[in-house]
PDB file of N, CA and C in Angstrom:
ATOM      1  N   MET A   1     -89.699  57.359-265.326  1.00  0.00           N
ATOM      2  CA  MET A   1     -89.527  55.979-265.105  1.00  0.00           C
ATOM      3  C   MET A   1     -90.614  55.331-265.058  1.00  0.00           C
ATOM      4  N   ASN A   2     -90.389  54.156-265.930  1.00  0.00           N
ATOM      5  CA  ASN A   2     -92.234  53.695-265.641  1.00  0.00           C
ATOM      6  C   ASN A   2     -92.414  52.591-264.535  1.00  0.00           C
ATOM      7  N   GLU A   3     -93.478  52.062-264.620  1.00  0.00           N
ATOM      8  CA  GLU A   3     -93.646  50.814-263.435  1.00  0.00           C
ATOM      9  C   GLU A   3     -93.022  49.571-263.580  1.00  0.00           C
ATOM     10  N   LYS A   4     -92.637  49.439-265.306  1.00  0.00           N
ATOM     11  CA  LYS A   4     -92.007  47.667-264.922  1.00  0.00           C
ATOM     12  C   LYS A   4     -90.451  48.332-264.615  1.00  0.00           C
ATOM     13  N   ASP A   5     -90.017  49.309-264.654  1.00  0.00           N
ATOM     14  CA  ASP A   5     -88.702  49.913-264.743  1.00  0.00           C
ATOM     15  C   ASP A   5     -88.505  50.167-262.616  1.00  0.00           C
ATOM     16  N   GLU A   6     -89.751  50.787-262.319  1.00  0.00           N
ATOM     17  CA  GLU A   6     -89.342  50.214-260.678  1.00  0.00           C
ATOM     18  C   GLU A   6     -89.433  49.274-260.240  1.00  0.00           C
ATOM     19  N   TRP A   7     -90.594  48.200-260.633  1.00  0.00           N
ATOM     20  CA  TRP A   7     -90.570  47.021-260.032  1.00  0.00           C
ATOM     21  C   TRP A   7     -89.457  46.387-259.695  1.00  0.00           C
ATOM     22  N   ILE A   8     -88.410  46.407-261.521  1.00  0.00           N
ATOM     23  CA  ILE A   8     -87.305  45.825-261.357  1.00  0.00           C
ATOM     24  C   ILE A   8     -86.652  46.136-260.193  1.00  0.00           C
ATOM     25  N   ILE A   9     -86.252  47.325-260.692  1.00  0.00           N
ATOM     26  CA  ILE A   9     -85.054  48.170-259.366  1.00  0.00           C
ATOM     27  C   ILE A   9     -85.571  47.987-258.035  1.00  0.00           C
ATOM     28  N   LYS A  10     -86.892  47.546-257.855  1.00  0.00           N
ATOM     29  CA  LYS A  10     -87.306  47.160-256.790  1.00  0.00           C
ATOM     30  C   LYS A  10     -86.687  45.981-255.964  1.00  0.00           C
ATOM     31  N   LYS A  11     -87.013  45.035-256.968  1.00  0.00           N
ATOM     32  CA  LYS A  11     -86.817  43.638-257.159  1.00  0.00           C
ATOM     33  C   LYS A  11     -85.144  43.317-256.427  1.00  0.00           C
ATOM     34  N   TYR A  12     -84.701  43.739-257.428  1.00  0.00           N
ATOM     35  CA  TYR A  12     -83.066  43.786-257.606  1.00  0.00           C
ATOM     36  C   TYR A  12     -82.082  44.264-256.173  1.00  0.00           C
ATOM     37  N   LYS A  13     -82.830  45.276-255.400  1.00  0.00           N
ATOM     38  CA  LYS A  13     -82.648  45.350-254.367  1.00  0.00           C
ATOM     39  C   LYS A  13     -82.631  44.653-252.847  1.00  0.00           C
ATOM     40  N   GLU A  14     -83.869  44.287-253.436  1.00  0.00           N
ATOM     41  CA  GLU A  14     -84.451  43.205-252.199  1.00  0.00           C
ATOM     42  C   GLU A  14     -83.899  41.748-251.884  1.00  0.00           C
ATOM     43  N   GLU A  15     -83.436  41.311-253.229  1.00  0.00           N
ATOM     44  CA  GLU A  15     -82.108  40.469-253.642  1.00  0.00           C
ATOM     45  C   GLU A  15     -80.939  40.789-253.324  1.00  0.00           C
ATOM     46  N   GLU A  16     -80.834  42.417-253.033  1.00  0.00           N
ATOM     47  CA  GLU A  16     -79.361  42.115-253.350  1.00  0.00           C
ATOM     48  C   GLU A  16     -79.557  42.222-251.129  1.00  0.00           C
ATOM     49  N   LYS A  17     -80.120  42.929-250.733  1.00  0.00           N
ATOM     50  CA  LYS A  17     -79.996  42.678-249.282  1.00  0.00           C
ATOM     51  C   LYS A  17     -80.239  41.646-248.918  1.00  0.00           C
ATOM     52  N   MET A  18     -80.964  40.825-249.835  1.00  0.00           N
ATOM     53  CA  MET A  18     -81.422  39.365-249.303  1.00  0.00           C
ATOM     54  C   MET A  18     -79.554  38.663-249.321  1.00  0.00           C
ATOM     55  N   MET A  19     -78.510  38.998-250.363  1.00  0.00           N
ATOM     56  CA  MET A  19     -77.746  38.601-250.668  1.00  0.00           C
ATOM     57  C   MET A  19     -76.992  38.973-249.210  1.00  0.00           C
ATOM     58  N   ILE A  20     -77.088  39.738-249.006  1.00  0.00           N
ATOM     59  CA  ILE A  20     -76.019  40.424-248.374  1.00  0.00           C
ATOM     60  C   ILE A  20     -76.337  39.847-246.856  1.00  0.00           C
ATOM     61  N   LEU A  21     -77.500  39.370-246.664  1.00  0.00           N
ATOM     62  CA  LEU A  21     -78.115  39.131-245.184  1.00  0.00           C
ATOM     63  C   LEU A  21     -77.473  37.475-244.954  1.00  0.00           C
ATOM     64  N   LEU A  22     -77.425  36.683-246.037  1.00  0.00           N
ATOM     65  CA  LEU A  22     -77.017  35.839-246.348  1.00  0.00           C
ATOM     66  C   LEU A  22     -75.600  35.418-246.038  1.00  0.00           C
ATOM     67  N   PHE A  23     -74.691  37.144-246.338  1.00  0.00           N
ATOM     68  CA  PHE A  23     -73.417  37.094-246.222  1.00  0.00           C
ATOM     69  C   PHE A  23     -73.303  36.981-244.682  1.00  0.00           C
ATOM     70  N   SER A  24     -73.848  38.003-244.554  1.00  0.00           N
ATOM     71  CA  SER A  24     -73.700  37.857-242.507  1.00  0.00           C
ATOM     72  C   SER A  24     -74.079  37.210-242.099  1.00  0.00           C
ATOM     73  N   GLN A  25     -75.051  36.045-242.169  1.00  0.00           N
ATOM     74  CA  GLN A  25     -75.195  35.450-241.090  1.00  0.00           C
ATOM     75  C   GLN A  25     -74.301  33.852-241.285  1.00  0.00           C
ATOM     76  N   TRP A  26     -73.921  33.911-242.879  1.00  0.00           N
ATOM     77  CA  TRP A  26     -72.488  33.230-242.751  1.00  0.00           C
ATOM     78  C   TRP A  26     -71.437  32.994-242.184  1.00  0.00           C
ATOM     79  N   CYS A  27     -71.055  34.454-242.027  1.00  0.00           N
ATOM     80  CA  CYS A  27     -70.078  34.672-241.636  1.00  0.00           C
ATOM     81  C   CYS A  27     -70.109  34.874-239.757  1.00  0.00           C
ATOM     82  N   ILE A  28     -71.333  35.230-239.354  1.00  0.00           N
ATOM     83  CA  ILE A  28     -71.864  34.581-237.677  1.00  0.00           C
ATOM     84  C   ILE A  28     -71.315  33.515-237.704  1.00  0.00           C
ATOM     85  N   ASN A  29     -72.213  32.753-238.492  1.00  0.00           N
ATOM     86  CA  ASN A  29     -72.015  31.001-238.518  1.00  0.00           C
ATOM     87  C   ASN A  29     -70.810  30.560-238.537  1.00  0.00           C
ATOM     88  N   ILE A  30     -69.643  31.060-239.055  1.00  0.00           N
ATOM     89  CA  ILE A  30     -68.545  30.541-238.804  1.00  0.00           C
ATOM     90  C   ILE A  30     -68.150  31.628-237.786  1.00  0.00           C
ATOM     91  N   GLY A  31     -68.279  32.543-236.929  1.00  0.00           N
ATOM     92  CA  GLY A  31     -66.840  33.095-235.927  1.00  0.00           C
ATOM     93  C   GLY A  31     -67.071  34.263-236.290  1.00  0.00           C
ATOM     94  N   GLU A  32     -66.883  34.508-237.655  1.00  0.00           N
ATOM     95  CA  GLU A  32     -66.195  36.065-238.702  1.00  0.00           C
ATOM     96  C   GLU A  32     -66.913  37.321-237.911  1.00  0.00           C
ATOM     97  N   ASP A  33     -66.711  38.299-238.325  1.00  0.00           N
ATOM     98  CA  ASP A  33     -67.347  39.335-237.868  1.00  0.00           C
ATOM     99  C   ASP A  33     -67.043  39.738-239.313  1.00  0.00           C
ATOM    100  N   PRO A  34     -68.683  40.278-240.002  1.00  0.00           N
ATOM    101  CA  PRO A  34     -68.954  40.272-241.601  1.00  0.00           C
ATOM    102  C   PRO A  34     -68.538  41.953-241.711  1.00  0.00           C
ATOM    103  N   GLU A  35     -68.241  42.928-240.870  1.00  0.00           N
ATOM    104  CA  GLU A  35     -67.922  44.349-241.689  1.00  0.00           C
ATOM    105  C   GLU A  35     -66.381  43.754-241.586  1.00  0.00           C
ATOM    106  N   HIS A  36     -66.074  43.038-241.052  1.00  0.00           N
ATOM    107  CA  HIS A  36     -64.158  42.567-241.307  1.00  0.00           C
ATOM    108  C   HIS A  36     -63.831  42.273-242.309  1.00  0.00           C
ATOM    109  N   VAL A  37     -64.653  41.124-242.418  1.00  0.00           N
ATOM    110  CA  VAL A  37     -64.629  40.163-244.215  1.00  0.00           C
ATOM    111  C   VAL A  37     -65.084  40.929-245.023  1.00  0.00           C
ATOM    112  N   TYR A  38     -65.358  42.130-245.350  1.00  0.00           N
ATOM    113  CA  TYR A  38     -66.067  42.832-246.441  1.00  0.00           C
ATOM    114  C   TYR A  38     -64.883  43.656-246.548  1.00  0.00           C
ATOM    115  N   HIS A  39     -63.897  44.206-245.617  1.00  0.00           N
ATOM    116  CA  HIS A  39     -63.137  45.061-245.246  1.00  0.00           C
ATOM    117  C   HIS A  39     -61.714  44.183-245.711  1.00  0.00           C
ATOM    118  N   GLN A  40     -61.679  42.782-246.067  1.00  0.00           N
ATOM    119  CA  GLN A  40     -60.795  42.033-246.137  1.00  0.00           C
ATOM    120  C   GLN A  40     -60.818  42.248-248.101  1.00  0.00           C
ATOM    121  N   ALA A  41     -61.920  42.006-248.315  1.00  0.00           N
ATOM    122  CA  ALA A  41     -62.281  42.125-249.783  1.00  0.00           C
ATOM    123  C   ALA A  41     -62.736  43.694-250.357  1.00  0.00           C
ATOM    124  N   TYR A  42     -62.859  44.234-249.440  1.00  0.00           N
ATOM    125  CA  TYR A  42     -62.894  45.985-250.108  1.00  0.00           C
ATOM    126  C   TYR A  42     -62.097  46.960-249.392  1.00  0.00           C
ATOM    127  N   PRO A  43     -60.329  46.826-249.209  1.00  0.00           N
ATOM    128  CA  PRO A  43     -60.386  47.870-248.150  1.00  0.00           C
ATOM    129  C   PRO A  43     -60.457  49.191-248.195  1.00  0.00           C
ATOM    130  N   TYR A  44     -60.436  49.804-249.109  1.00  0.00           N
ATOM    131  CA  TYR A  44     -60.341  51.057-249.766  1.00  0.00           C
ATOM    132  C   TYR A  44     -62.066  51.744-250.101  1.00  0.00           C
ATOM    133  N   GLN A  45     -62.926  50.606-249.383  1.00  0.00           N
ATOM    134  CA  GLN A  45     -64.727  51.414-249.450  1.00  0.00           C
ATOM    135  C   GLN A  45     -64.699  51.104-248.000  1.00  0.00           C
ATOM    136  N   GLU A  46     -66.128  51.902-247.485  1.00  0.00           N
ATOM    137  CA  GLU A  46     -66.358  52.424-246.415  1.00  0.00           C
ATOM    138  C   GLU A  46     -67.493  50.874-246.808  1.00  0.00           C
ATOM    139  N   THR A  47     -68.254  50.660-244.821  1.00  0.00           N
ATOM    140  CA  THR A  47     -68.770  49.580-245.071  1.00  0.00           C
ATOM    141  C   THR A  47     -69.969  49.841-245.620  1.00  0.00           C
ATOM    142  N   ASN A  48     -70.591  49.151-246.380  1.00  0.00           N
ATOM    143  CA  ASN A  48     -71.843  48.771-247.241  1.00  0.00           C
ATOM    144  C   ASN A  48     -72.967  49.477-246.494  1.00  0.00           C
ATOM    145  N   PRO A  49     -73.563  50.472-246.852  1.00  0.00           N
ATOM    146  CA  PRO A  49     -74.828  50.224-245.212  1.00  0.00           C
ATOM    147  C   PRO A  49     -75.772  49.712-245.646  1.00  0.00           C
ATOM    148  N   LEU A  50     -76.126  48.857-246.570  1.00  0.00           N
ATOM    149  CA  LEU A  50     -76.837  47.573-246.357  1.00  0.00           C
ATOM    150  C   LEU A  50     -76.269  46.833-245.130  1.00  0.00           C
ATOM    151  N   LEU A  51     -75.228  46.408-245.622  1.00  0.00           N
ATOM    152  CA  LEU A  51     -74.570  45.622-244.559  1.00  0.00           C
ATOM    153  C   LEU A  51     -74.182  45.597-242.922  1.00  0.00           C
ATOM    154  N   LYS A  52     -74.734  47.494-243.271  1.00  0.00           N
ATOM    155  CA  LYS A  52     -74.885  47.636-241.460  1.00  0.00           C
ATOM    156  C   LYS A  52     -76.268  47.572-240.881  1.00  0.00           C
ATOM    157  N   GLU A  53     -77.391  47.623-241.963  1.00  0.00           N
ATOM    158  CA  GLU A  53     -78.785  47.885-242.363  1.00  0.00           C
ATOM    159  C   GLU A  53     -79.061  45.991-241.396  1.00  0.00           C
ATOM    160  N   VAL A  54     -78.443  45.058-242.673  1.00  0.00           N
ATOM    161  CA  VAL A  54     -79.043  43.857-242.376  1.00  0.00           C
ATOM    162  C   VAL A  54     -78.412  43.032-240.844  1.00  0.00           C
ATOM    163  N   LEU A  55     -77.291  43.502-240.239  1.00  0.00           N
ATOM    164  CA  LEU A  55     -76.454  43.284-238.965  1.00  0.00           C
ATOM    165  C   LEU A  55     -77.331  42.860-237.554  1.00  0.00           C
ATOM    166  N   PRO A  56     -78.657  43.687-237.755  1.00  0.00           N
ATOM    167  CA  PRO A  56     -79.558  43.113-236.848  1.00  0.00           C
ATOM    168  C   PRO A  56     -80.409  41.918-236.688  1.00  0.00           C
ATOM    169  N   GLU A  57     -80.362  41.998-238.154  1.00  0.00           N
ATOM    170  CA  GLU A  57     -81.173  40.672-238.289  1.00  0.00           C
ATOM    171  C   GLU A  57     -80.644  39.336-238.558  1.00  0.00           C
ATOM    172  N   THR A  58     -79.548  39.648-238.020  1.00  0.00           N
ATOM    173  CA  THR A  58     -78.279  38.168-237.834  1.00  0.00           C
ATOM    174  C   THR A  58     -79.186  37.347-236.541  1.00  0.00           C
ATOM    175  N   LEU A  59     -78.996  35.933-237.021  1.00  0.00           N
ATOM    176  CA  LEU A  59     -78.938  35.271-235.376  1.00  0.00           C
ATOM    177  C   LEU A  59     -78.393  35.077-235.210  1.00  0.00           C
ATOM    178  N   PRO A  60     -77.755  34.452-233.911  1.00  0.00           N
ATOM    179  CA  PRO A  60     -76.719  33.778-233.019  1.00  0.00           C
ATOM    180  C   PRO A  60     -76.961  32.276-233.481  1.00  0.00           C
ATOM    181  N   PRO A  61     -75.794  31.735-234.264  1.00  0.00           N
ATOM    182  CA  PRO A  61     -74.880  30.641-234.577  1.00  0.00           C
ATOM    183  C   PRO A  61     -76.176  29.029-234.443  1.00  0.00           C
ATOM    184  N   LYS A  62     -76.060  29.200-232.910  1.00  0.00           N
ATOM    185  CA  LYS A  62     -77.075  28.122-232.583  1.00  0.00           C
ATOM    186  C   LYS A  62     -78.373  28.652-233.536  1.00  0.00           C
ATOM    187  N   GLU A  63     -78.657  29.033-233.374  1.00  0.00           N
ATOM    188  CA  GLU A  63     -80.181  29.171-233.575  1.00  0.00           C
ATOM    189  C   GLU A  63     -80.335  29.492-235.470  1.00  0.00           C
ATOM    190  N   ALA A  64     -79.264  29.779-235.845  1.00  0.00           N
ATOM    191  CA  ALA A  64     -79.640  30.200-237.165  1.00  0.00           C
ATOM    192  C   ALA A  64     -79.619  28.537-238.170  1.00  0.00           C
ATOM    193  N   ASP A  65     -79.989  28.390-239.343  1.00  0.00           N
ATOM    194  CA  ASP A  65     -79.764  27.518-239.770  1.00  0.00           C
ATOM    195  C   ASP A  65     -78.633  27.560-240.776  1.00  0.00           C
ATOM    196  N   SER A  66     -77.620  26.663-241.257  1.00  0.00           N
ATOM    197  CA  SER A  66     -76.483  26.207-242.250  1.00  0.00           C
ATOM    198  C   SER A  66     -76.527  27.007-243.279  1.00  0.00           C
ATOM    199  N   ILE A  67     -75.725  27.717-243.688  1.00  0.00           N
ATOM    200  CA  ILE A  67     -75.401  28.370-245.142  1.00  0.00           C
ATOM    201  C   ILE A  67     -74.645  27.570-246.391  1.00  0.00           C
ATOM    202  N   PRO A  68     -74.871  26.848-246.795  1.00  0.00           N
ATOM    203  CA  PRO A  68     -73.545  26.270-247.500  1.00  0.00           C
ATOM    204  C   PRO A  68     -72.953  26.932-248.037  1.00  0.00           C
ATOM    205  N   THR A  69     -71.704  26.878-248.263  1.00  0.00           N
ATOM    206  CA  THR A  69     -70.664  27.978-248.612  1.00  0.00           C
ATOM    207  C   THR A  69     -70.941  28.272-250.122  1.00  0.00           C
ATOM    208  N   GLU A  70     -71.264  26.901-251.211  1.00  0.00           N
ATOM    209  CA  GLU A  70     -71.165  26.982-252.149  1.00  0.00           C
ATOM    210  C   GLU A  70     -72.979  28.162-253.072  1.00  0.00           C
ATOM    211  N   VAL A  71     -73.339  27.977-251.833  1.00  0.00           N
ATOM    212  CA  VAL A  71     -74.604  28.716-251.955  1.00  0.00           C
ATOM    213  C   VAL A  71     -74.563  30.622-251.815  1.00  0.00           C
ATOM    214  N   LEU A  72     -73.284  30.133-250.760  1.00  0.00           N
ATOM    215  CA  LEU A  72     -73.394  32.047-250.530  1.00  0.00           C
ATOM    216  C   LEU A  72     -72.005  32.019-251.955  1.00  0.00           C
ATOM    217  N   LEU A  73     -71.356  31.867-252.017  1.00  0.00           N
ATOM    218  CA  LEU A  73     -70.348  31.987-253.514  1.00  0.00           C
ATOM    219  C   LEU A  73     -71.524  32.004-255.108  1.00  0.00           C
ATOM    220  N   ASP A  74     -72.438  31.785-255.365  1.00  0.00           N
ATOM    221  CA  ASP A  74     -73.278  31.861-255.849  1.00  0.00           C
ATOM    222  C   ASP A  74     -73.921  33.044-255.792  1.00  0.00           C
ATOM    223  N   ALA A  75     -73.961  33.275-254.637  1.00  0.00           N
ATOM    224  CA  ALA A  75     -75.068  34.399-254.613  1.00  0.00           C
ATOM    225  C   ALA A  75     -74.337  35.932-254.743  1.00  0.00           C
ATOM    226  N   LEU A  76     -72.906  35.892-254.272  1.00  0.00           N
ATOM    227  CA  LEU A  76     -71.735  37.132-254.417  1.00  0.00           C
ATOM    228  C   LEU A  76     -71.453  36.720-255.671  1.00  0.00           C
ATOM    229  N   SER A  77     -71.738  35.869-256.583  1.00  0.00           N
ATOM    230  CA  SER A  77     -70.718  36.340-258.029  1.00  0.00           C
ATOM    231  C   SER A  77     -72.273  36.672-258.590  1.00  0.00           C
ATOM    232  N   ALA A  78     -73.090  36.601-258.394  1.00  0.00           N
ATOM    233  CA  ALA A  78     -74.419  36.975-259.159  1.00  0.00           C
ATOM    234  C   ALA A  78     -74.586  38.190-259.290  1.00  0.00           C
ATOM    235  N   PHE A  79     -74.795  38.984-257.849  1.00  0.00           N
ATOM    236  CA  PHE A  79     -74.707  40.645-257.792  1.00  0.00           C
ATOM    237  C   PHE A  79     -72.795  40.721-258.085  1.00  0.00           C
ATOM    238  N   GLY A  80     -71.658  40.236-258.619  1.00  0.00           N
ATOM    239  CA  GLY A  80     -70.795  40.787-259.214  1.00  0.00           C
ATOM    240  C   GLY A  80     -69.482  40.897-257.619  1.00  0.00           C
ATOM    241  N   ASN A  81     -69.728  39.785-256.426  1.00  0.00           N
ATOM    242  CA  ASN A  81     -68.810  40.392-255.802  1.00  0.00           C
ATOM    243  C   ASN A  81     -67.822  39.438-255.829  1.00  0.00           C
ATOM    244  N   GLU A  82     -67.394  39.285-256.671  1.00  0.00           N
ATOM    245  CA  GLU A  82     -66.010  38.442-256.900  1.00  0.00           C
ATOM    246  C   GLU A  82     -64.975  38.498-255.698  1.00  0.00           C
ATOM    247  N   ASP A  83     -64.426  39.544-255.582  1.00  0.00           N
ATOM    248  CA  ASP A  83     -63.752  39.982-254.602  1.00  0.00           C
ATOM    249  C   ASP A  83     -64.054  39.162-253.112  1.00  0.00           C
ATOM    250  N   LEU A  84     -65.450  39.358-253.079  1.00  0.00           N
ATOM    251  CA  LEU A  84     -65.775  39.221-251.811  1.00  0.00           C
ATOM    252  C   LEU A  84     -65.601  37.596-251.599  1.00  0.00           C
ATOM    253  N   ALA A  85     -66.355  37.149-252.552  1.00  0.00           N
ATOM    254  CA  ALA A  85     -66.609  35.304-252.786  1.00  0.00           C
ATOM    255  C   ALA A  85     -65.022  34.954-252.835  1.00  0.00           C
ATOM    256  N   PHE A  86     -64.155  35.666-253.566  1.00  0.00           N
ATOM    257  CA  PHE A  86     -62.554  34.933-253.260  1.00  0.00           C
ATOM    258  C   PHE A  86     -62.097  34.682-251.358  1.00  0.00           C
ATOM    259  N   VAL A  87     -62.139  35.988-251.171  1.00  0.00           N
ATOM    260  CA  VAL A  87     -62.989  36.057-249.523  1.00  0.00           C
ATOM    261  C   VAL A  87     -63.184  35.054-248.869  1.00  0.00           C
ATOM    262  N   VAL A  88     -63.897  35.282-248.727  1.00  0.00           N
ATOM    263  CA  VAL A  88     -64.874  33.804-248.213  1.00  0.00           C
ATOM    264  C   VAL A  88     -65.067  32.054-248.676  1.00  0.00           C
ATOM    265  N   ALA A  89     -64.427  32.412-250.042  1.00  0.00           N
ATOM    266  CA  ALA A  89     -63.232  31.117-250.223  1.00  0.00           C
ATOM    267  C   ALA A  89     -62.264  30.333-249.270  1.00  0.00           C
ATOM    268  N   GLU A  90     -61.810  31.919-249.474  1.00  0.00           N
ATOM    269  CA  GLU A  90     -60.404  31.339-248.128  1.00  0.00           C
ATOM    270  C   GLU A  90     -60.882  31.102-246.941  1.00  0.00           C
ATOM    271  N   LEU A  91     -61.584  31.791-246.463  1.00  0.00           N
ATOM    272  CA  LEU A  91     -62.213  31.387-245.474  1.00  0.00           C
ATOM    273  C   LEU A  91     -62.670  29.675-244.944  1.00  0.00           C
ATOM    274  N   ASP A  92     -63.527  29.527-245.910  1.00  0.00           N
ATOM    275  CA  ASP A  92     -64.119  28.370-246.329  1.00  0.00           C
ATOM    276  C   ASP A  92     -63.137  27.269-246.012  1.00  0.00           C
ATOM    277  N   GLY A  93     -61.803  27.282-246.879  1.00  0.00           N
ATOM    278  CA  GLY A  93     -60.492  26.466-247.189  1.00  0.00           C
ATOM    279  C   GLY A  93     -60.027  26.281-245.504  1.00  0.00           C
ATOM    280  N   LYS A  94     -60.086  27.157-244.663  1.00  0.00           N
ATOM    281  CA  LYS A  94     -59.438  27.342-243.589  1.00  0.00           C
ATOM    282  C   LYS A  94     -59.494  26.043-242.641  1.00  0.00           C
TER     283      LYS A  94
END
């Protein structure tokens, strides 16, 4: 693997982690457990290891910035998480 390929992979992983943190913080902000929401979308998968990794980085809702659902949906779609985007959209509609 060349240096450019390694850089692309590193950037993808960084952006994926940021998307998962965005999802986690959105869940926390609306009073939902990110792991529970994840399992609603992917009931037969174990919890994503990155999700577990970023949970300690989330803030209490009062300390966090608001995350527009549309921004989260765009980020989830960009990474092919259509099932999770569907669950998020349903939660947003409550």
